[in-house]
PDB file of all heavy atoms in Angstrom:
ATOM      1  N   GLY A   1     -17.339  25.617  -6.571  1.00  0.00           N
ATOM      2  CA  GLY A   1     -16.944  24.889  -7.774  1.00  0.00           C
ATOM      3  C   GLY A   1     -16.906  23.400  -7.527  1.00  0.00           C
ATOM      4  O   GLY A   1     -17.696  22.870  -6.735  1.00  0.00           O
ATOM      5  N   GLU A   2     -15.951  22.711  -8.186  1.00  0.00           N
ATOM      6  CA  GLU A   2     -15.831  21.263  -8.089  1.00  0.00           C
ATOM      7  C   GLU A   2     -14.448  20.879  -7.597  1.00  0.00           C
ATOM      8  O   GLU A   2     -13.447  21.491  -7.976  1.00  0.00           O
ATOM      9  CB  GLU A   2     -16.090  20.601  -9.438  1.00  0.00           C
ATOM     10  CG  GLU A   2     -17.506  20.777  -9.965  1.00  0.00           C
ATOM     11  CD  GLU A   2     -17.700  20.092 -11.309  1.00  0.00           C
ATOM     12  OE1 GLU A   2     -16.696  19.936 -12.030  1.00  0.00           O
ATOM     13  OE2 GLU A   2     -18.832  19.707 -11.620  1.00  0.00           O
ATOM     14  N   THR A   3     -14.408  19.854  -6.769  1.00  0.00           N
ATOM     15  CA  THR A   3     -13.149  19.252  -6.345  1.00  0.00           C
ATOM     16  C   THR A   3     -13.042  17.892  -7.022  1.00  0.00           C
ATOM     17  O   THR A   3     -13.931  17.051  -6.865  1.00  0.00           O
ATOM     18  CB  THR A   3     -13.091  19.094  -4.815  1.00  0.00           C
ATOM     19  OG1 THR A   3     -13.189  20.378  -4.199  1.00  0.00           O
ATOM     20  CG2 THR A   3     -11.802  18.422  -4.396  1.00  0.00           C
ATOM     21  N   VAL A   4     -11.969  17.694  -7.803  1.00  0.00           N
ATOM     22  CA  VAL A   4     -11.784  16.455  -8.563  1.00  0.00           C
ATOM     23  C   VAL A   4     -10.860  15.520  -7.778  1.00  0.00           C
ATOM     24  O   VAL A   4      -9.745  15.903  -7.403  1.00  0.00           O
ATOM     25  CB  VAL A   4     -11.201  16.737  -9.958  1.00  0.00           C
ATOM     26  CG1 VAL A   4     -10.993  15.430 -10.725  1.00  0.00           C
ATOM     27  CG2 VAL A   4     -12.118  17.681 -10.730  1.00  0.00           C
ATOM     28  N   VAL A   5     -11.322  14.301  -7.558  1.00  0.00           N
ATOM     29  CA  VAL A   5     -10.552  13.312  -6.795  1.00  0.00           C
ATOM     30  C   VAL A   5     -10.375  12.061  -7.646  1.00  0.00           C
ATOM     31  O   VAL A   5     -11.343  11.345  -7.936  1.00  0.00           O
ATOM     32  CB  VAL A   5     -11.256  12.956  -5.468  1.00  0.00           C
ATOM     33  CG1 VAL A   5     -10.421  11.958  -4.689  1.00  0.00           C
ATOM     34  CG2 VAL A   5     -11.514  14.203  -4.639  1.00  0.00           C
ATOM     35  N   ALA A   6      -9.128  11.809  -8.064  1.00  0.00           N
ATOM     36  CA  ALA A   6      -8.818  10.604  -8.831  1.00  0.00           C
ATOM     37  C   ALA A   6      -8.463   9.478  -7.870  1.00  0.00           C
ATOM     38  O   ALA A   6      -7.758   9.686  -6.876  1.00  0.00           O
ATOM     39  CB  ALA A   6      -7.662  10.874  -9.780  1.00  0.00           C
ATOM     40  N   LEU A   7      -8.958   8.277  -8.172  1.00  0.00           N
ATOM     41  CA  LEU A   7      -8.727   7.122  -7.316  1.00  0.00           C
ATOM     42  C   LEU A   7      -8.125   5.984  -8.132  1.00  0.00           C
ATOM     43  O   LEU A   7      -8.573   5.712  -9.256  1.00  0.00           O
ATOM     44  CB  LEU A   7     -10.039   6.656  -6.676  1.00  0.00           C
ATOM     45  CG  LEU A   7     -10.737   7.672  -5.769  1.00  0.00           C
ATOM     46  CD1 LEU A   7     -12.161   7.226  -5.494  1.00  0.00           C
ATOM     47  CD2 LEU A   7      -9.983   7.825  -4.464  1.00  0.00           C
ATOM     48  N   GLY A   8      -7.116   5.333  -7.581  1.00  0.00           N
ATOM     49  CA  GLY A   8      -6.505   4.198  -8.251  1.00  0.00           C
ATOM     50  C   GLY A   8      -6.699   2.921  -7.458  1.00  0.00           C
ATOM     51  O   GLY A   8      -6.548   2.909  -6.239  1.00  0.00           O
ATOM     52  N   LEU A   9      -7.067   1.827  -8.148  1.00  0.00           N
ATOM     53  CA  LEU A   9      -7.266   0.535  -7.504  1.00  0.00           C
ATOM     54  C   LEU A   9      -6.296  -0.488  -8.065  1.00  0.00           C
ATOM     55  O   LEU A   9      -5.902  -0.424  -9.233  1.00  0.00           O
ATOM     56  CB  LEU A   9      -8.701   0.042  -7.715  1.00  0.00           C
ATOM     57  CG  LEU A   9      -9.845   0.872  -7.139  1.00  0.00           C
ATOM     58  CD1 LEU A   9     -11.164   0.186  -7.422  1.00  0.00           C
ATOM     59  CD2 LEU A   9      -9.666   1.089  -5.648  1.00  0.00           C
ATOM     60  N   GLN A  10      -5.948  -1.443  -7.215  1.00  0.00           N
ATOM     61  CA  GLN A  10      -5.148  -2.582  -7.646  1.00  0.00           C
ATOM     62  C   GLN A  10      -5.923  -3.859  -7.367  1.00  0.00           C
ATOM     63  O   GLN A  10      -6.635  -3.955  -6.363  1.00  0.00           O
ATOM     64  CB  GLN A  10      -3.809  -2.637  -6.902  1.00  0.00           C
ATOM     65  CG  GLN A  10      -2.837  -1.545  -7.287  1.00  0.00           C
ATOM     66  CD  GLN A  10      -1.479  -1.753  -6.640  1.00  0.00           C
ATOM     67  OE1 GLN A  10      -1.245  -2.751  -5.965  1.00  0.00           O
ATOM     68  NE2 GLN A  10      -0.584  -0.800  -6.838  1.00  0.00           N
ATOM     69  N   THR A  11      -5.800  -4.823  -8.249  1.00  0.00           N
ATOM     70  CA  THR A  11      -6.452  -6.104  -8.009  1.00  0.00           C
ATOM     71  C   THR A  11      -5.814  -6.764  -6.794  1.00  0.00           C
ATOM     72  O   THR A  11      -4.662  -6.485  -6.434  1.00  0.00           O
ATOM     73  CB  THR A  11      -6.321  -7.031  -9.227  1.00  0.00           C
ATOM     74  OG1 THR A  11      -4.933  -7.166  -9.577  1.00  0.00           O
ATOM     75  CG2 THR A  11      -7.089  -6.478 -10.409  1.00  0.00           C
ATOM     76  N   VAL A  12      -6.582  -7.638  -6.138  1.00  0.00           N
ATOM     77  CA  VAL A  12      -6.098  -8.254  -4.902  1.00  0.00           C
ATOM     78  C   VAL A  12      -4.953  -9.234  -5.157  1.00  0.00           C
ATOM     79  O   VAL A  12      -4.246  -9.630  -4.225  1.00  0.00           O
ATOM     80  CB  VAL A  12      -7.254  -8.975  -4.168  1.00  0.00           C
ATOM     81  CG1 VAL A  12      -8.280  -7.977  -3.693  1.00  0.00           C
ATOM     82  CG2 VAL A  12      -7.893 -10.032  -5.067  1.00  0.00           C
ATOM     83  N   ASP A  13      -4.749  -9.656  -6.421  1.00  0.00           N
ATOM     84  CA  ASP A  13      -3.658 -10.564  -6.770  1.00  0.00           C
ATOM     85  C   ASP A  13      -3.198 -10.230  -8.180  1.00  0.00           C
ATOM     86  O   ASP A  13      -4.005  -9.848  -9.038  1.00  0.00           O
ATOM     87  CB  ASP A  13      -4.122 -12.028  -6.695  1.00  0.00           C
ATOM     88  CG  ASP A  13      -2.960 -13.006  -6.750  1.00  0.00           C
ATOM     89  OD1 ASP A  13      -2.438 -13.233  -7.851  1.00  0.00           O
ATOM     90  OD2 ASP A  13      -2.576 -13.527  -5.685  1.00  0.00           O
ATOM     91  N   LYS A  14      -1.910 -10.389  -8.435  1.00  0.00           N
ATOM     92  CA  LYS A  14      -1.373 -10.039  -9.749  1.00  0.00           C
ATOM     93  C   LYS A  14      -1.913 -10.931 -10.856  1.00  0.00           C
ATOM     94  O   LYS A  14      -1.838 -10.578 -12.037  1.00  0.00           O
ATOM     95  CB  LYS A  14       0.155 -10.102  -9.726  1.00  0.00           C
ATOM     96  CG  LYS A  14       0.720 -11.503  -9.457  1.00  0.00           C
ATOM     97  CD  LYS A  14       2.235 -11.472  -9.414  1.00  0.00           C
ATOM     98  CE  LYS A  14       2.814 -12.865  -9.164  1.00  0.00           C
ATOM     99  NZ  LYS A  14       4.303 -12.849  -9.132  1.00  0.00           N
ATOM    100  N   LEU A  15      -2.472 -12.096 -10.486  1.00  0.00           N
ATOM    101  CA  LEU A  15      -3.047 -12.975 -11.505  1.00  0.00           C
ATOM    102  C   LEU A  15      -4.425 -12.486 -11.972  1.00  0.00           C
ATOM    103  O   LEU A  15      -4.928 -12.940 -12.996  1.00  0.00           O
ATOM    104  CB  LEU A  15      -3.178 -14.408 -10.961  1.00  0.00           C
ATOM    105  CG  LEU A  15      -1.880 -15.165 -10.682  1.00  0.00           C
ATOM    106  CD1 LEU A  15      -2.194 -16.544 -10.140  1.00  0.00           C
ATOM    107  CD2 LEU A  15      -1.019 -15.254 -11.941  1.00  0.00           C
ATOM    108  N   ILE A  16      -5.062 -11.591 -11.178  1.00  0.00           N
ATOM    109  CA  ILE A  16      -6.406 -11.118 -11.513  1.00  0.00           C
ATOM    110  C   ILE A  16      -6.296  -9.840 -12.330  1.00  0.00           C
ATOM    111  O   ILE A  16      -5.619  -8.884 -11.943  1.00  0.00           O
ATOM    112  CB  ILE A  16      -7.232 -10.860 -10.237  1.00  0.00           C
ATOM    113  CG1 ILE A  16      -7.391 -12.166  -9.441  1.00  0.00           C
ATOM    114  CG2 ILE A  16      -8.597 -10.289 -10.584  1.00  0.00           C
ATOM    115  CD1 ILE A  16      -8.096 -11.976  -8.113  1.00  0.00           C
ATOM    116  N   VAL A  17      -6.965  -9.831 -13.471  1.00  0.00           N
ATOM    117  CA  VAL A  17      -6.977  -8.648 -14.348  1.00  0.00           C
ATOM    118  C   VAL A  17      -8.416  -8.373 -14.764  1.00  0.00           C
ATOM    119  O   VAL A  17      -9.306  -9.222 -14.623  1.00  0.00           O
ATOM    120  CB  VAL A  17      -6.102  -8.859 -15.600  1.00  0.00           C
ATOM    121  CG1 VAL A  17      -4.655  -9.111 -15.217  1.00  0.00           C
ATOM    122  CG2 VAL A  17      -6.645 -10.015 -16.448  1.00  0.00           C
ATOM    123  N   GLU A  18      -8.665  -7.164 -15.245  1.00  0.00           N
ATOM    124  CA  GLU A  18      -9.985  -6.822 -15.766  1.00  0.00           C
ATOM    125  C   GLU A  18      -9.868  -6.576 -17.262  1.00  0.00           C
ATOM    126  O   GLU A  18      -9.069  -5.760 -17.709  1.00  0.00           O
ATOM    127  CB  GLU A  18     -10.560  -5.576 -15.076  1.00  0.00           C
ATOM    128  CG  GLU A  18     -11.975  -5.256 -15.552  1.00  0.00           C
ATOM    129  CD  GLU A  18     -12.659  -4.197 -14.691  1.00  0.00           C
ATOM    130  OE1 GLU A  18     -12.082  -3.810 -13.667  1.00  0.00           O
ATOM    131  OE2 GLU A  18     -13.762  -3.772 -15.057  1.00  0.00           O
ATOM    132  N   GLU A  19     -10.692  -7.299 -18.025  1.00  0.00           N
ATOM    133  CA  GLU A  19     -10.715  -7.153 -19.480  1.00  0.00           C
ATOM    134  C   GLU A  19     -12.153  -7.035 -19.944  1.00  0.00           C
ATOM    135  O   GLU A  19     -12.984  -7.902 -19.634  1.00  0.00           O
ATOM    136  CB  GLU A  19     -10.052  -8.362 -20.164  1.00  0.00           C
ATOM    137  CG  GLU A  19      -8.566  -8.467 -19.916  1.00  0.00           C
ATOM    138  CD  GLU A  19      -7.938  -9.682 -20.610  1.00  0.00           C
ATOM    139  OE1 GLU A  19      -8.710 -10.494 -21.195  1.00  0.00           O
ATOM    140  OE2 GLU A  19      -6.716  -9.821 -20.561  1.00  0.00           O
ATOM    141  N   GLY A  20     -12.441  -5.971 -20.625  1.00  0.00           N
ATOM    142  CA  GLY A  20     -13.799  -5.794 -21.137  1.00  0.00           C
ATOM    143  C   GLY A  20     -14.858  -5.778 -20.059  1.00  0.00           C
ATOM    144  O   GLY A  20     -15.978  -6.245 -20.280  1.00  0.00           O
ATOM    145  N   GLY A  21     -14.511  -5.269 -18.895  1.00  0.00           N
ATOM    146  CA  GLY A  21     -15.473  -5.208 -17.795  1.00  0.00           C
ATOM    147  C   GLY A  21     -15.596  -6.492 -17.013  1.00  0.00           C
ATOM    148  O   GLY A  21     -16.411  -6.576 -16.087  1.00  0.00           O
ATOM    149  N   LEU A  22     -14.805  -7.540 -17.344  1.00  0.00           N
ATOM    150  CA  LEU A  22     -14.854  -8.820 -16.644  1.00  0.00           C
ATOM    151  C   LEU A  22     -13.549  -9.062 -15.904  1.00  0.00           C
ATOM    152  O   LEU A  22     -12.462  -8.757 -16.414  1.00  0.00           O
ATOM    153  CB  LEU A  22     -15.091  -9.971 -17.630  1.00  0.00           C
ATOM    154  CG  LEU A  22     -16.408  -9.955 -18.414  1.00  0.00           C
ATOM    155  CD1 LEU A  22     -16.414 -11.100 -19.426  1.00  0.00           C
ATOM    156  CD2 LEU A  22     -17.597 -10.066 -17.468  1.00  0.00           C
ATOM    157  N   LEU A  23     -13.660  -9.606 -14.685  1.00  0.00           N
ATOM    158  CA  LEU A  23     -12.477 -10.007 -13.942  1.00  0.00           C
ATOM    159  C   LEU A  23     -12.075 -11.412 -14.389  1.00  0.00           C
ATOM    160  O   LEU A  23     -12.904 -12.322 -14.426  1.00  0.00           O
ATOM    161  CB  LEU A  23     -12.768 -10.012 -12.435  1.00  0.00           C
ATOM    162  CG  LEU A  23     -12.824  -8.653 -11.737  1.00  0.00           C
ATOM    163  CD1 LEU A  23     -13.144  -8.846 -10.262  1.00  0.00           C
ATOM    164  CD2 LEU A  23     -11.519  -7.888 -11.883  1.00  0.00           C
ATOM    165  N   LYS A  24     -10.771 -11.568 -14.714  1.00  0.00           N
ATOM    166  CA  LYS A  24     -10.278 -12.853 -15.203  1.00  0.00           C
ATOM    167  C   LYS A  24      -9.000 -13.231 -14.467  1.00  0.00           C
ATOM    168  O   LYS A  24      -8.264 -12.371 -13.968  1.00  0.00           O
ATOM    169  CB  LYS A  24      -9.996 -12.789 -16.702  1.00  0.00           C
ATOM    170  CG  LYS A  24     -11.222 -12.475 -17.550  1.00  0.00           C
ATOM    171  CD  LYS A  24     -10.866 -12.414 -19.033  1.00  0.00           C
ATOM    172  CE  LYS A  24     -12.079 -12.083 -19.897  1.00  0.00           C
ATOM    173  NZ  LYS A  24     -11.730 -12.026 -21.337  1.00  0.00           N
ATOM    174  N   ILE A  25      -8.763 -14.562 -14.386  1.00  0.00           N
ATOM    175  CA  ILE A  25      -7.500 -15.060 -13.853  1.00  0.00           C
ATOM    176  C   ILE A  25      -6.567 -15.251 -15.041  1.00  0.00           C
ATOM    177  O   ILE A  25      -6.855 -16.029 -15.964  1.00  0.00           O
ATOM    178  CB  ILE A  25      -7.691 -16.384 -13.100  1.00  0.00           C
ATOM    179  CG1 ILE A  25      -8.699 -16.208 -11.960  1.00  0.00           C
ATOM    180  CG2 ILE A  25      -6.351 -16.881 -12.551  1.00  0.00           C
ATOM    181  CD1 ILE A  25      -9.059 -17.514 -11.270  1.00  0.00           C
ATOM    182  N   LYS A  26      -5.459 -14.533 -15.015  1.00  0.00           N
ATOM    183  CA  LYS A  26      -4.539 -14.542 -16.157  1.00  0.00           C
ATOM    184  C   LYS A  26      -3.323 -15.401 -15.827  1.00  0.00           C
ATOM    185  O   LYS A  26      -2.500 -15.047 -14.973  1.00  0.00           O
ATOM    186  CB  LYS A  26      -4.086 -13.115 -16.474  1.00  0.00           C
ATOM    187  CG  LYS A  26      -3.706 -12.922 -17.925  1.00  0.00           C
ATOM    188  CD  LYS A  26      -4.931 -12.989 -18.835  1.00  0.00           C
ATOM    189  CE  LYS A  26      -4.570 -12.560 -20.249  1.00  0.00           C
ATOM    190  NZ  LYS A  26      -5.718 -12.663 -21.157  1.00  0.00           N
ATOM    191  N   ILE A  27      -3.229 -16.577 -16.471  1.00  0.00           N
ATOM    192  CA  ILE A  27      -2.070 -17.462 -16.309  1.00  0.00           C
ATOM    193  C   ILE A  27      -1.444 -17.670 -17.680  1.00  0.00           C
ATOM    194  O   ILE A  27      -1.897 -17.124 -18.685  1.00  0.00           O
ATOM    195  CB  ILE A  27      -2.491 -18.814 -15.687  1.00  0.00           C
ATOM    196  CG1 ILE A  27      -3.547 -19.489 -16.559  1.00  0.00           C
ATOM    197  CG2 ILE A  27      -3.000 -18.605 -14.259  1.00  0.00           C
ATOM    198  CD1 ILE A  27      -3.935 -20.887 -16.074  1.00  0.00           C
ATOM    199  N   GLY A  28      -0.390 -18.472 -17.696  1.00  0.00           N
ATOM    200  CA  GLY A  28       0.251 -18.756 -18.971  1.00  0.00           C
ATOM    201  C   GLY A  28      -0.644 -19.591 -19.882  1.00  0.00           C
ATOM    202  O   GLY A  28      -1.668 -20.129 -19.453  1.00  0.00           O
ATOM    203  N   ILE A  29      -0.252 -19.736 -21.121  1.00  0.00           N
ATOM    204  CA  ILE A  29      -1.048 -20.472 -22.106  1.00  0.00           C
ATOM    205  C   ILE A  29      -1.141 -21.946 -21.715  1.00  0.00           C
ATOM    206  O   ILE A  29      -0.161 -22.567 -21.314  1.00  0.00           O
ATOM    207  CB  ILE A  29      -0.434 -20.342 -23.511  1.00  0.00           C
ATOM    208  CG1 ILE A  29      -0.430 -18.870 -23.938  1.00  0.00           C
ATOM    209  CG2 ILE A  29      -1.194 -21.197 -24.530  1.00  0.00           C
ATOM    210  CD1 ILE A  29       0.306 -18.637 -25.253  1.00  0.00           C
ATOM    211  N   ILE A  30      -2.363 -22.487 -21.793  1.00  0.00           N
ATOM    212  CA  ILE A  30      -2.581 -23.911 -21.537  1.00  0.00           C
ATOM    213  C   ILE A  30      -2.421 -24.663 -22.864  1.00  0.00           C
ATOM    214  O   ILE A  30      -3.244 -24.530 -23.769  1.00  0.00           O
ATOM    215  CB  ILE A  30      -3.981 -24.157 -20.955  1.00  0.00           C
ATOM    216  CG1 ILE A  30      -4.204 -23.312 -19.694  1.00  0.00           C
ATOM    217  CG2 ILE A  30      -4.181 -25.637 -20.644  1.00  0.00           C
ATOM    218  CD1 ILE A  30      -3.260 -23.611 -18.580  1.00  0.00           C
ATOM    219  N   TYR A  31      -1.325 -25.432 -22.991  1.00  0.00           N
ATOM    220  CA  TYR A  31      -1.071 -26.165 -24.229  1.00  0.00           C
ATOM    221  C   TYR A  31      -1.690 -27.553 -24.173  1.00  0.00           C
ATOM    222  O   TYR A  31      -1.669 -28.226 -23.147  1.00  0.00           O
ATOM    223  CB  TYR A  31       0.440 -26.297 -24.471  1.00  0.00           C
ATOM    224  CG  TYR A  31       1.094 -24.981 -24.838  1.00  0.00           C
ATOM    225  CD1 TYR A  31       1.846 -24.277 -23.898  1.00  0.00           C
ATOM    226  CD2 TYR A  31       0.959 -24.471 -26.128  1.00  0.00           C
ATOM    227  CE1 TYR A  31       2.453 -23.083 -24.241  1.00  0.00           C
ATOM    228  CE2 TYR A  31       1.567 -23.265 -26.470  1.00  0.00           C
ATOM    229  CZ  TYR A  31       2.307 -22.573 -25.518  1.00  0.00           C
ATOM    230  OH  TYR A  31       2.898 -21.393 -25.851  1.00  0.00           O
ATOM    231  N   PHE A  32      -2.235 -27.966 -25.312  1.00  0.00           N
ATOM    232  CA  PHE A  32      -2.747 -29.325 -25.477  1.00  0.00           C
ATOM    233  C   PHE A  32      -2.060 -29.950 -26.679  1.00  0.00           C
ATOM    234  O   PHE A  32      -1.711 -29.264 -27.646  1.00  0.00           O
ATOM    235  CB  PHE A  32      -4.268 -29.308 -25.717  1.00  0.00           C
ATOM    236  CG  PHE A  32      -5.065 -28.866 -24.527  1.00  0.00           C
ATOM    237  CD1 PHE A  32      -5.350 -27.519 -24.325  1.00  0.00           C
ATOM    238  CD2 PHE A  32      -5.542 -29.795 -23.617  1.00  0.00           C
ATOM    239  CE1 PHE A  32      -6.096 -27.119 -23.235  1.00  0.00           C
ATOM    240  CE2 PHE A  32      -6.285 -29.409 -22.534  1.00  0.00           C
ATOM    241  CZ  PHE A  32      -6.568 -28.049 -22.325  1.00  0.00           C
ATOM    242  N   ASP A  33      -1.863 -31.279 -26.648  1.00  0.00           N
ATOM    243  CA  ASP A  33      -1.325 -31.960 -27.819  1.00  0.00           C
ATOM    244  C   ASP A  33      -2.338 -31.878 -28.953  1.00  0.00           C
ATOM    245  O   ASP A  33      -3.545 -31.700 -28.738  1.00  0.00           O
ATOM    246  CB  ASP A  33      -0.994 -33.424 -27.492  1.00  0.00           C
ATOM    247  CG  ASP A  33       0.228 -33.558 -26.589  1.00  0.00           C
ATOM    248  OD1 ASP A  33       1.068 -32.628 -26.592  1.00  0.00           O
ATOM    249  OD2 ASP A  33       0.314 -34.581 -25.873  1.00  0.00           O
ATOM    250  N   LEU A  34      -1.840 -32.042 -30.154  1.00  0.00           N
ATOM    251  CA  LEU A  34      -2.686 -31.937 -31.340  1.00  0.00           C
ATOM    252  C   LEU A  34      -3.874 -32.890 -31.228  1.00  0.00           C
ATOM    253  O   LEU A  34      -3.702 -34.083 -30.982  1.00  0.00           O
ATOM    254  CB  LEU A  34      -1.868 -32.266 -32.597  1.00  0.00           C
ATOM    255  CG  LEU A  34      -2.617 -32.125 -33.927  1.00  0.00           C
ATOM    256  CD1 LEU A  34      -3.005 -30.674 -34.172  1.00  0.00           C
ATOM    257  CD2 LEU A  34      -1.741 -32.657 -35.068  1.00  0.00           C
ATOM    258  N   ASP A  35      -5.038 -32.333 -31.392  1.00  0.00           N
ATOM    259  CA  ASP A  35      -6.304 -33.072 -31.372  1.00  0.00           C
ATOM    260  C   ASP A  35      -6.570 -33.762 -30.034  1.00  0.00           C
ATOM    261  O   ASP A  35      -7.407 -34.667 -29.968  1.00  0.00           O
ATOM    262  CB  ASP A  35      -6.356 -34.118 -32.499  1.00  0.00           C
ATOM    263  CG  ASP A  35      -6.359 -33.488 -33.868  1.00  0.00           C
ATOM    264  OD1 ASP A  35      -6.786 -32.301 -33.981  1.00  0.00           O
ATOM    265  OD2 ASP A  35      -5.939 -34.163 -34.811  1.00  0.00           O
ATOM    266  N   LYS A  36      -5.848 -33.336 -28.948  1.00  0.00           N
ATOM    267  CA  LYS A  36      -6.028 -33.979 -27.656  1.00  0.00           C
ATOM    268  C   LYS A  36      -6.628 -32.991 -26.649  1.00  0.00           C
ATOM    269  O   LYS A  36      -6.575 -31.784 -26.828  1.00  0.00           O
ATOM    270  CB  LYS A  36      -4.684 -34.509 -27.105  1.00  0.00           C
ATOM    271  CG  LYS A  36      -3.983 -35.481 -28.044  1.00  0.00           C
ATOM    272  CD  LYS A  36      -4.805 -36.748 -28.259  1.00  0.00           C
ATOM    273  CE  LYS A  36      -4.056 -37.734 -29.153  1.00  0.00           C
ATOM    274  NZ  LYS A  36      -4.862 -38.954 -29.411  1.00  0.00           N
ATOM    275  N   SER A  37      -7.173 -33.562 -25.543  1.00  0.00           N
ATOM    276  CA  SER A  37      -7.778 -32.691 -24.537  1.00  0.00           C
ATOM    277  C   SER A  37      -7.298 -33.013 -23.128  1.00  0.00           C
ATOM    278  O   SER A  37      -7.760 -32.396 -22.173  1.00  0.00           O
ATOM    279  CB  SER A  37      -9.311 -32.824 -24.578  1.00  0.00           C
ATOM    280  OG  SER A  37      -9.703 -34.170 -24.340  1.00  0.00           O
ATOM    281  N   TYR A  38      -6.329 -33.947 -22.991  1.00  0.00           N
ATOM    282  CA  TYR A  38      -5.858 -34.248 -21.642  1.00  0.00           C
ATOM    283  C   TYR A  38      -4.875 -33.157 -21.201  1.00  0.00           C
ATOM    284  O   TYR A  38      -4.287 -32.449 -22.014  1.00  0.00           O
ATOM    285  CB  TYR A  38      -5.211 -35.641 -21.582  1.00  0.00           C
ATOM    286  CG  TYR A  38      -3.950 -35.786 -22.387  1.00  0.00           C
ATOM    287  CD1 TYR A  38      -2.695 -35.438 -21.854  1.00  0.00           C
ATOM    288  CD2 TYR A  38      -3.998 -36.293 -23.688  1.00  0.00           C
ATOM    289  CE1 TYR A  38      -1.541 -35.569 -22.586  1.00  0.00           C
ATOM    290  CE2 TYR A  38      -2.828 -36.419 -24.435  1.00  0.00           C
ATOM    291  CZ  TYR A  38      -1.615 -36.059 -23.889  1.00  0.00           C
ATOM    292  OH  TYR A  38      -0.466 -36.177 -24.622  1.00  0.00           O
ATOM    293  N   ILE A  39      -4.710 -33.039 -19.867  1.00  0.00           N
ATOM    294  CA  ILE A  39      -3.874 -31.976 -19.301  1.00  0.00           C
ATOM    295  C   ILE A  39      -2.418 -32.438 -19.277  1.00  0.00           C
ATOM    296  O   ILE A  39      -2.071 -33.431 -18.621  1.00  0.00           O
ATOM    297  CB  ILE A  39      -4.332 -31.613 -17.875  1.00  0.00           C
ATOM    298  CG1 ILE A  39      -5.802 -31.184 -17.880  1.00  0.00           C
ATOM    299  CG2 ILE A  39      -3.461 -30.510 -17.266  1.00  0.00           C
ATOM    300  CD1 ILE A  39      -6.090 -29.986 -18.746  1.00  0.00           C
TER     301      ILE A  39
END
């Protein structure tokens, strides 16, 4: 018959997540002043 083996993975850092098949760095929201682009 068949032997079923489930495997679980963790990202190498808690900031790294997978969304829609893409690995992304997930941080807090980057706010900008109204109509501005400086950090």
